[in-house]
N, C-alpha and C. Protein backbone atom coordinates (compact mmCIF):
# COMPACT_ATOMS: atom_id res chain seq x y z
N UNK A 1 -40.40 -10.58 -9.29
CA UNK A 1 -39.73 -9.36 -9.09
C UNK A 1 -39.25 -9.00 -10.54
N UNK A 2 -39.41 -7.74 -10.91
CA UNK A 2 -39.00 -7.39 -12.21
C UNK A 2 -37.70 -6.51 -12.26
N UNK A 3 -37.43 -5.96 -11.08
CA UNK A 3 -36.22 -4.99 -11.06
C UNK A 3 -35.78 -4.91 -9.62
N UNK A 4 -34.48 -4.86 -9.52
CA UNK A 4 -33.78 -4.50 -8.11
C UNK A 4 -33.36 -3.01 -8.31
N UNK A 5 -33.81 -2.32 -7.30
CA UNK A 5 -33.54 -0.82 -7.38
C UNK A 5 -32.15 -0.38 -7.20
N UNK A 6 -31.83 0.79 -7.67
CA UNK A 6 -30.51 1.44 -7.52
C UNK A 6 -30.20 1.60 -6.04
N UNK A 7 -29.08 1.15 -5.61
CA UNK A 7 -28.53 1.28 -4.30
C UNK A 7 -29.48 0.62 -3.22
N UNK A 8 -30.16 -0.33 -3.55
CA UNK A 8 -31.17 -0.92 -2.63
C UNK A 8 -30.46 -1.63 -1.42
N UNK A 9 -29.34 -2.27 -1.57
CA UNK A 9 -28.63 -2.95 -0.52
C UNK A 9 -27.25 -2.42 -0.27
N UNK A 10 -27.05 -1.17 -0.68
CA UNK A 10 -25.69 -0.58 -0.61
C UNK A 10 -25.39 -0.40 0.89
N UNK A 11 -24.09 -0.77 1.23
CA UNK A 11 -23.58 -0.64 2.58
C UNK A 11 -24.29 -1.57 3.57
N UNK A 12 -24.92 -2.53 3.21
CA UNK A 12 -25.54 -3.58 4.15
C UNK A 12 -24.50 -4.56 4.49
N UNK A 13 -23.62 -4.20 5.48
CA UNK A 13 -22.54 -5.03 5.90
C UNK A 13 -22.96 -6.40 6.52
N UNK A 14 -24.15 -6.41 7.19
CA UNK A 14 -24.58 -7.59 7.85
C UNK A 14 -25.43 -8.56 6.94
N UNK A 15 -25.63 -8.20 5.72
CA UNK A 15 -26.41 -9.01 4.79
C UNK A 15 -25.64 -10.31 4.46
N UNK A 16 -26.09 -11.46 5.02
CA UNK A 16 -25.39 -12.74 4.78
C UNK A 16 -25.82 -13.46 3.56
N UNK A 17 -27.14 -13.54 3.37
CA UNK A 17 -27.63 -14.27 2.20
C UNK A 17 -28.81 -13.58 1.63
N UNK A 18 -28.98 -13.79 0.26
CA UNK A 18 -30.13 -13.23 -0.48
C UNK A 18 -30.58 -14.32 -1.42
N UNK A 19 -32.00 -14.41 -1.46
CA UNK A 19 -32.58 -15.26 -2.39
C UNK A 19 -33.30 -14.44 -3.48
N UNK A 20 -33.03 -14.68 -4.69
CA UNK A 20 -33.60 -13.92 -5.76
C UNK A 20 -34.37 -14.89 -6.72
N UNK A 21 -35.67 -14.61 -6.91
CA UNK A 21 -36.54 -15.31 -7.81
C UNK A 21 -36.46 -14.57 -9.07
N UNK A 22 -35.66 -14.93 -10.06
CA UNK A 22 -35.28 -14.01 -11.13
C UNK A 22 -35.80 -14.38 -12.54
N UNK A 23 -36.86 -15.16 -12.57
CA UNK A 23 -37.33 -15.52 -14.01
C UNK A 23 -37.83 -14.26 -14.75
N UNK A 24 -38.35 -13.32 -14.08
CA UNK A 24 -38.85 -12.13 -14.70
C UNK A 24 -37.93 -10.91 -14.49
N UNK A 25 -36.77 -11.08 -13.90
CA UNK A 25 -35.90 -9.89 -13.56
C UNK A 25 -35.29 -9.37 -14.82
N UNK A 26 -35.51 -8.12 -15.09
CA UNK A 26 -34.99 -7.51 -16.25
C UNK A 26 -33.88 -6.47 -15.98
N UNK A 27 -33.90 -5.89 -14.69
CA UNK A 27 -32.95 -4.89 -14.42
C UNK A 27 -32.42 -4.99 -13.04
N UNK A 28 -31.10 -4.72 -12.88
CA UNK A 28 -30.50 -4.63 -11.54
C UNK A 28 -29.82 -3.20 -11.52
N UNK A 29 -30.30 -2.38 -10.56
CA UNK A 29 -29.84 -1.03 -10.56
C UNK A 29 -28.37 -0.93 -10.16
N UNK A 30 -27.76 0.19 -10.59
CA UNK A 30 -26.35 0.44 -10.40
C UNK A 30 -26.04 0.55 -8.80
N UNK A 31 -25.05 -0.04 -8.43
CA UNK A 31 -24.65 -0.04 -7.00
C UNK A 31 -25.59 -0.70 -6.08
N UNK A 32 -26.45 -1.61 -6.51
CA UNK A 32 -27.44 -2.30 -5.74
C UNK A 32 -26.86 -3.06 -4.59
N UNK A 33 -25.64 -3.70 -4.85
CA UNK A 33 -24.98 -4.55 -3.83
C UNK A 33 -23.64 -4.06 -3.50
N UNK A 34 -23.36 -2.76 -3.67
CA UNK A 34 -22.03 -2.26 -3.35
C UNK A 34 -21.81 -2.19 -1.89
N UNK A 35 -20.60 -2.61 -1.48
CA UNK A 35 -20.15 -2.57 -0.11
C UNK A 35 -21.03 -3.48 0.85
N UNK A 36 -21.50 -4.58 0.32
CA UNK A 36 -22.14 -5.57 1.13
C UNK A 36 -21.12 -6.56 1.68
N UNK A 37 -21.55 -7.46 2.51
CA UNK A 37 -20.65 -8.54 3.07
C UNK A 37 -19.93 -9.23 1.99
N UNK A 38 -18.62 -9.40 2.08
CA UNK A 38 -17.84 -9.96 1.00
C UNK A 38 -18.00 -11.44 0.91
N UNK A 39 -18.29 -12.15 2.01
CA UNK A 39 -18.49 -13.60 1.93
C UNK A 39 -19.99 -14.00 1.97
N UNK A 40 -20.80 -13.09 1.43
CA UNK A 40 -22.23 -13.38 1.42
C UNK A 40 -22.53 -14.38 0.35
N UNK A 41 -23.77 -14.89 0.46
CA UNK A 41 -24.31 -15.99 -0.45
C UNK A 41 -25.54 -15.45 -1.22
N UNK A 42 -25.55 -15.56 -2.52
CA UNK A 42 -26.70 -15.16 -3.31
C UNK A 42 -27.23 -16.44 -4.05
N UNK A 43 -28.42 -16.78 -3.75
CA UNK A 43 -29.14 -17.95 -4.42
C UNK A 43 -30.08 -17.41 -5.44
N UNK A 44 -29.84 -17.88 -6.62
CA UNK A 44 -30.69 -17.33 -7.76
C UNK A 44 -31.60 -18.52 -8.27
N UNK A 45 -32.91 -18.30 -8.13
CA UNK A 45 -33.90 -19.28 -8.59
C UNK A 45 -34.37 -18.83 -9.96
N UNK A 46 -34.07 -19.66 -11.01
CA UNK A 46 -34.39 -19.36 -12.40
C UNK A 46 -34.79 -20.64 -13.11
N UNK A 47 -35.29 -20.42 -14.26
CA UNK A 47 -35.77 -21.58 -15.13
C UNK A 47 -34.60 -22.39 -15.81
N UNK A 48 -33.51 -21.74 -16.18
CA UNK A 48 -32.41 -22.42 -16.77
C UNK A 48 -31.14 -21.78 -16.56
N UNK A 49 -30.05 -22.44 -16.86
CA UNK A 49 -28.64 -22.02 -16.57
C UNK A 49 -28.28 -20.75 -17.41
N UNK A 50 -28.86 -20.64 -18.54
CA UNK A 50 -28.51 -19.51 -19.48
C UNK A 50 -29.00 -18.17 -18.75
N UNK A 51 -30.23 -18.22 -18.29
CA UNK A 51 -30.82 -17.07 -17.57
C UNK A 51 -30.05 -16.79 -16.36
N UNK A 52 -29.65 -17.81 -15.61
CA UNK A 52 -28.84 -17.71 -14.37
C UNK A 52 -27.54 -16.90 -14.68
N UNK A 53 -26.79 -17.29 -15.77
CA UNK A 53 -25.54 -16.60 -16.12
C UNK A 53 -25.77 -15.13 -16.44
N UNK A 54 -26.92 -14.81 -17.06
CA UNK A 54 -27.25 -13.46 -17.38
C UNK A 54 -27.46 -12.63 -16.07
N UNK A 55 -28.16 -13.26 -15.15
CA UNK A 55 -28.46 -12.60 -13.96
C UNK A 55 -27.23 -12.33 -13.07
N UNK A 56 -26.37 -13.40 -13.06
CA UNK A 56 -25.19 -13.25 -12.27
C UNK A 56 -24.23 -12.10 -12.80
N UNK A 57 -24.23 -12.03 -14.14
CA UNK A 57 -23.44 -10.98 -14.73
C UNK A 57 -23.96 -9.56 -14.29
N UNK A 58 -25.27 -9.48 -14.33
CA UNK A 58 -25.88 -8.14 -13.87
C UNK A 58 -25.59 -7.88 -12.43
N UNK A 59 -25.69 -8.92 -11.54
CA UNK A 59 -25.45 -8.74 -10.15
C UNK A 59 -24.02 -8.34 -9.89
N UNK A 60 -23.04 -9.00 -10.63
CA UNK A 60 -21.60 -8.61 -10.45
C UNK A 60 -21.35 -7.17 -10.91
N UNK A 61 -22.05 -6.76 -11.99
CA UNK A 61 -21.89 -5.44 -12.45
C UNK A 61 -22.44 -4.42 -11.48
N UNK A 62 -23.36 -4.84 -10.68
CA UNK A 62 -24.04 -3.88 -9.68
C UNK A 62 -23.29 -3.86 -8.36
N UNK A 63 -22.12 -4.60 -8.29
CA UNK A 63 -21.33 -4.47 -7.04
C UNK A 63 -21.13 -5.79 -6.25
N UNK A 64 -21.84 -6.89 -6.55
CA UNK A 64 -21.81 -8.11 -5.84
C UNK A 64 -20.72 -9.03 -6.49
N UNK A 65 -19.42 -8.57 -6.39
CA UNK A 65 -18.34 -9.31 -7.15
C UNK A 65 -17.78 -10.40 -6.30
N UNK A 66 -17.67 -10.31 -5.01
CA UNK A 66 -17.01 -11.28 -4.15
C UNK A 66 -17.92 -12.32 -3.56
N UNK A 67 -19.25 -12.18 -3.72
CA UNK A 67 -20.21 -13.08 -3.12
C UNK A 67 -20.14 -14.44 -3.88
N UNK A 68 -20.74 -15.43 -3.16
CA UNK A 68 -20.79 -16.75 -3.67
C UNK A 68 -22.23 -16.92 -4.31
N UNK A 69 -22.29 -17.43 -5.56
CA UNK A 69 -23.54 -17.63 -6.23
C UNK A 69 -23.96 -19.09 -6.25
N UNK A 70 -25.26 -19.36 -6.17
CA UNK A 70 -25.75 -20.69 -6.30
C UNK A 70 -26.99 -20.72 -7.21
N UNK A 71 -27.01 -21.68 -8.07
CA UNK A 71 -28.15 -21.87 -9.00
C UNK A 71 -29.16 -22.84 -8.48
N UNK A 72 -30.44 -22.47 -8.51
CA UNK A 72 -31.53 -23.31 -8.15
C UNK A 72 -32.55 -23.30 -9.29
N UNK A 73 -32.99 -24.42 -9.72
CA UNK A 73 -33.98 -24.39 -10.81
C UNK A 73 -35.41 -24.26 -10.32
N UNK A 74 -36.13 -23.29 -10.86
CA UNK A 74 -37.49 -22.95 -10.45
C UNK A 74 -38.24 -22.57 -11.66
N UNK A 75 -39.44 -23.12 -11.80
CA UNK A 75 -40.31 -22.78 -12.92
C UNK A 75 -41.06 -21.51 -12.70
């Protein structure tokens, strides 16, 4: 996946968990996770912790501020 589109999961109140394979993710659209379930879980599969931190920062900026994040190493 190279990009998550603008407003792709906006207002998805029933979205409980998301798995993102983010080694090649370069962009997260604005408002992509705005108004989603507050106690949702986002698992990010990346090659290292540095990339994980960058992706989490982008996800939080796109509206996923209250969700729980989990790091999984994936080549």
